[in-house]
Amino acid sequence: MHEKQLYDYAVIRVIPRVEREEFVNVGLMLYCKRQKYLRIQYHVPTEKIKAFCSEFDLYQLQQNLEALAAICEGKKEGGPIAQLEKDERFRWITAVKSSSIQTSRPHSGLSIDLDQTFEKLYNELVE
């Protein structure tokens, strides 16, 4: 029998107009310290974002999301922050920001299968 693992997750959001505080969920990040697990996935729903703000810079959004993924995955092109430990990268990405890309507050849960939990949360909260 598998043991349940404590994990934290955060939803990645795009805020097309920060002053209006409306957002679109575009991704998910899940972290489990015990399993040394950190995963990120995102999808840019172009039409939905353009409905909120027709002049929103989707190219810059894609660049920024790729940079977040590089940091999360610990890739060299993610810069010095990507070289931090997984928990530090998760905390850095989920720190409160006032920008067009933000994350929800981290939420916790228990899981026997982290990949399955990630897929379930991603489908419920992003897709």
C-alpha atoms as a PDB file:
ATOM      1  CA  MET A   1       0.000   0.000   0.000  1.00  0.00           C
ATOM      2  CA  HIS A   2       1.311   3.437  -0.942  1.00  0.00           C
ATOM      3  CA  GLU A   3       1.684   6.178   1.609  1.00  0.00           C
ATOM      4  CA  LYS A   4      -0.083   9.482   1.061  1.00  0.00           C
ATOM      5  CA  GLN A   5       2.245  12.380   0.364  1.00  0.00           C
ATOM      6  CA  LEU A   6       1.673  15.973   1.436  1.00  0.00           C
ATOM      7  CA  TYR A   7       1.821  18.386  -1.514  1.00  0.00           C
ATOM      8  CA  ASP A   8       1.256  22.056  -2.263  1.00  0.00           C
ATOM      9  CA  TYR A   9      -0.107  23.444  -5.495  1.00  0.00           C
ATOM     10  CA  ALA A  10      -0.748  26.858  -6.974  1.00  0.00           C
ATOM     11  CA  VAL A  11      -2.762  27.934  -9.994  1.00  0.00           C
ATOM     12  CA  ILE A  12      -0.969  30.201 -12.471  1.00  0.00           C
ATOM     13  CA  ARG A  13      -3.172  33.088 -13.552  1.00  0.00           C
ATOM     14  CA  VAL A  14      -3.020  35.768 -16.192  1.00  0.00           C
ATOM     15  CA  ILE A  15      -4.484  39.127 -15.258  1.00  0.00           C
ATOM     16  CA  PRO A  16      -5.044  40.920 -18.582  1.00  0.00           C
ATOM     17  CA  ARG A  17      -5.814  44.198 -16.804  1.00  0.00           C
ATOM     18  CA  VAL A  18      -4.372  44.309 -13.307  1.00  0.00           C
ATOM     19  CA  GLU A  19      -6.584  47.234 -12.298  1.00  0.00           C
ATOM     20  CA  ARG A  20      -9.740  45.177 -12.995  1.00  0.00           C
ATOM     21  CA  GLU A  21      -8.500  42.153 -10.985  1.00  0.00           C
ATOM     22  CA  GLU A  22     -10.074  39.680 -13.450  1.00  0.00           C
ATOM     23  CA  PHE A  23      -8.004  36.632 -14.220  1.00  0.00           C
ATOM     24  CA  VAL A  24      -7.770  33.584 -16.451  1.00  0.00           C
ATOM     25  CA  ASN A  25      -6.271  30.335 -15.116  1.00  0.00           C
ATOM     26  CA  VAL A  26      -3.494  29.253 -17.479  1.00  0.00           C
ATOM     27  CA  GLY A  27      -1.408  26.762 -15.550  1.00  0.00           C
ATOM     28  CA  LEU A  28      -0.661  24.730 -12.474  1.00  0.00           C
ATOM     29  CA  MET A  29       2.393  24.028 -10.362  1.00  0.00           C
ATOM     30  CA  LEU A  30       2.575  21.180  -7.810  1.00  0.00           C
ATOM     31  CA  TYR A  31       5.333  20.581  -5.250  1.00  0.00           C
ATOM     32  CA  CYS A  32       6.001  17.698  -2.860  1.00  0.00           C
ATOM     33  CA  LYS A  33       9.034  18.020  -0.602  1.00  0.00           C
ATOM     34  CA  ARG A  34       9.241  14.365   0.446  1.00  0.00           C
ATOM     35  CA  GLN A  35       9.222  13.096  -3.153  1.00  0.00           C
ATOM     36  CA  LYS A  36      11.395  15.988  -4.446  1.00  0.00           C
ATOM     37  CA  TYR A  37       8.619  16.585  -6.958  1.00  0.00           C
ATOM     38  CA  LEU A  38       8.029  19.882  -8.716  1.00  0.00           C
ATOM     39  CA  ARG A  39       5.928  20.034 -11.868  1.00  0.00           C
ATOM     40  CA  ILE A  40       4.499  22.844 -13.963  1.00  0.00           C
ATOM     41  CA  GLN A  41       2.208  22.874 -16.977  1.00  0.00           C
ATOM     42  CA  TYR A  42       0.419  25.709 -18.731  1.00  0.00           C
ATOM     43  CA  HIS A  43      -1.777  26.491 -21.709  1.00  0.00           C
ATOM     44  CA  VAL A  44      -2.514  29.956 -23.127  1.00  0.00           C
ATOM     45  CA  PRO A  45      -6.228  30.317 -23.985  1.00  0.00           C
ATOM     46  CA  THR A  46      -5.716  33.097 -26.548  1.00  0.00           C
ATOM     47  CA  GLU A  47      -9.362  33.847 -27.290  1.00  0.00           C
ATOM     48  CA  LYS A  48     -10.344  34.030 -23.619  1.00  0.00           C
ATOM     49  CA  ILE A  49      -7.490  36.417 -22.802  1.00  0.00           C
ATOM     50  CA  LYS A  50      -8.229  38.599 -25.841  1.00  0.00           C
ATOM     51  CA  ALA A  51     -11.873  38.812 -24.704  1.00  0.00           C
ATOM     52  CA  PHE A  52     -10.661  40.505 -21.514  1.00  0.00           C
ATOM     53  CA  CYS A  53      -8.118  42.746 -23.232  1.00  0.00           C
ATOM     54  CA  SER A  54      -7.786  42.809 -27.026  1.00  0.00           C
ATOM     55  CA  GLU A  55      -4.357  44.501 -26.946  1.00  0.00           C
ATOM     56  CA  PHE A  56      -2.811  42.064 -24.439  1.00  0.00           C
ATOM     57  CA  ASP A  57       0.719  41.032 -25.490  1.00  0.00           C
ATOM     58  CA  LEU A  58       0.404  37.269 -25.970  1.00  0.00           C
ATOM     59  CA  TYR A  59       3.977  36.932 -27.229  1.00  0.00           C
ATOM     60  CA  GLN A  60       5.345  38.452 -24.005  1.00  0.00           C
ATOM     61  CA  LEU A  61       3.006  36.233 -21.984  1.00  0.00           C
ATOM     62  CA  GLN A  62       4.372  33.130 -23.721  1.00  0.00           C
ATOM     63  CA  GLN A  63       7.964  34.293 -23.040  1.00  0.00           C
ATOM     64  CA  ASN A  64       7.168  34.887 -19.361  1.00  0.00           C
ATOM     65  CA  LEU A  65       5.471  31.507 -18.943  1.00  0.00           C
ATOM     66  CA  GLU A  66       8.430  29.770 -20.599  1.00  0.00           C
ATOM     67  CA  ALA A  67      10.738  31.558 -18.133  1.00  0.00           C
ATOM     68  CA  LEU A  68       8.591  30.385 -15.189  1.00  0.00           C
ATOM     69  CA  ALA A  69       8.693  26.826 -16.516  1.00  0.00           C
ATOM     70  CA  ALA A  70      12.493  27.006 -16.891  1.00  0.00           C
ATOM     71  CA  ILE A  71      12.797  28.177 -13.274  1.00  0.00           C
ATOM     72  CA  CYS A  72      10.405  25.513 -12.014  1.00  0.00           C
ATOM     73  CA  GLU A  73      12.218  22.766 -13.929  1.00  0.00           C
ATOM     74  CA  GLY A  74      15.666  23.960 -12.767  1.00  0.00           C
ATOM     75  CA  LYS A  75      16.943  24.594 -16.295  1.00  0.00           C
ATOM     76  CA  LYS A  76      20.136  26.600 -16.778  1.00  0.00           C
ATOM     77  CA  GLU A  77      18.302  29.166 -18.946  1.00  0.00           C
ATOM     78  CA  GLY A  78      16.094  29.860 -15.900  1.00  0.00           C
ATOM     79  CA  GLY A  79      18.965  31.831 -14.391  1.00  0.00           C
ATOM     80  CA  PRO A  80      20.150  31.846 -10.780  1.00  0.00           C
ATOM     81  CA  ILE A  81      16.680  31.289  -9.303  1.00  0.00           C
ATOM     82  CA  ALA A  82      16.365  28.045 -11.283  1.00  0.00           C
ATOM     83  CA  GLN A  83      19.469  26.769  -9.480  1.00  0.00           C
ATOM     84  CA  LEU A  84      17.797  27.025  -6.072  1.00  0.00           C
ATOM     85  CA  GLU A  85      16.331  23.978  -4.316  1.00  0.00           C
ATOM     86  CA  LYS A  86      12.846  22.898  -5.463  1.00  0.00           C
ATOM     87  CA  ASP A  87      11.100  24.272  -2.389  1.00  0.00           C
ATOM     88  CA  GLU A  88      12.799  27.647  -2.859  1.00  0.00           C
ATOM     89  CA  ARG A  89      11.804  27.761  -6.543  1.00  0.00           C
ATOM     90  CA  PHE A  90       8.182  26.937  -5.635  1.00  0.00           C
ATOM     91  CA  ARG A  91       8.125  29.665  -2.965  1.00  0.00           C
ATOM     92  CA  TRP A  92       9.745  32.224  -5.294  1.00  0.00           C
ATOM     93  CA  ILE A  93       7.219  31.591  -8.069  1.00  0.00           C
ATOM     94  CA  THR A  94       4.247  31.692  -5.672  1.00  0.00           C
ATOM     95  CA  ALA A  95       5.349  34.898  -3.902  1.00  0.00           C
ATOM     96  CA  VAL A  96       2.703  37.616  -4.099  1.00  0.00           C
ATOM     97  CA  LYS A  97       3.227  39.888  -7.102  1.00  0.00           C
ATOM     98  CA  SER A  98       1.402  42.750  -8.736  1.00  0.00           C
ATOM     99  CA  SER A  99       1.870  41.852 -12.376  1.00  0.00           C
ATOM    100  CA  SER A 100      -0.024  40.318 -15.255  1.00  0.00           C
ATOM    101  CA  ILE A 101       1.102  36.797 -14.242  1.00  0.00           C
ATOM    102  CA  GLN A 102       0.307  35.749 -10.690  1.00  0.00           C
ATOM    103  CA  THR A 103      -0.321  32.554  -8.774  1.00  0.00           C
ATOM    104  CA  SER A 104      -3.040  31.625  -6.352  1.00  0.00           C
ATOM    105  CA  ARG A 105      -2.040  31.175  -2.764  1.00  0.00           C
ATOM    106  CA  PRO A 106      -0.562  27.710  -2.313  1.00  0.00           C
ATOM    107  CA  HIS A 107      -3.080  25.025  -1.340  1.00  0.00           C
ATOM    108  CA  SER A 108      -2.186  21.722   0.330  1.00  0.00           C
ATOM    109  CA  GLY A 109      -3.443  18.191  -0.061  1.00  0.00           C
ATOM    110  CA  LEU A 110      -2.552  14.520   0.283  1.00  0.00           C
ATOM    111  CA  SER A 111      -1.908  12.191  -2.634  1.00  0.00           C
ATOM    112  CA  ILE A 112      -0.873   8.612  -3.303  1.00  0.00           C
ATOM    113  CA  ASP A 113      -0.047   9.404  -6.970  1.00  0.00           C
ATOM    114  CA  LEU A 114       1.339  12.917  -7.565  1.00  0.00           C
ATOM    115  CA  ASP A 115       1.144  12.738 -11.370  1.00  0.00           C
ATOM    116  CA  GLN A 116      -2.485  11.630 -11.228  1.00  0.00           C
ATOM    117  CA  THR A 117      -3.284  14.376  -8.711  1.00  0.00           C
ATOM    118  CA  PHE A 118      -1.549  16.923 -10.935  1.00  0.00           C
ATOM    119  CA  GLU A 119      -3.590  15.838 -13.976  1.00  0.00           C
ATOM    120  CA  LYS A 120      -6.855  15.937 -12.005  1.00  0.00           C
ATOM    121  CA  LEU A 121      -6.166  19.427 -10.627  1.00  0.00           C
ATOM    122  CA  TYR A 122      -4.972  20.716 -14.005  1.00  0.00           C
ATOM    123  CA  ASN A 123      -8.122  19.461 -15.746  1.00  0.00           C
ATOM    124  CA  GLU A 124     -10.408  20.902 -13.049  1.00  0.00           C
ATOM    125  CA  LEU A 125      -8.709  24.270 -12.610  1.00  0.00           C
ATOM    126  CA  VAL A 126      -7.092  25.113 -15.958  1.00  0.00           C
ATOM    127  CA  GLU A 127      -8.661  23.230 -18.856  1.00  0.00           C
END
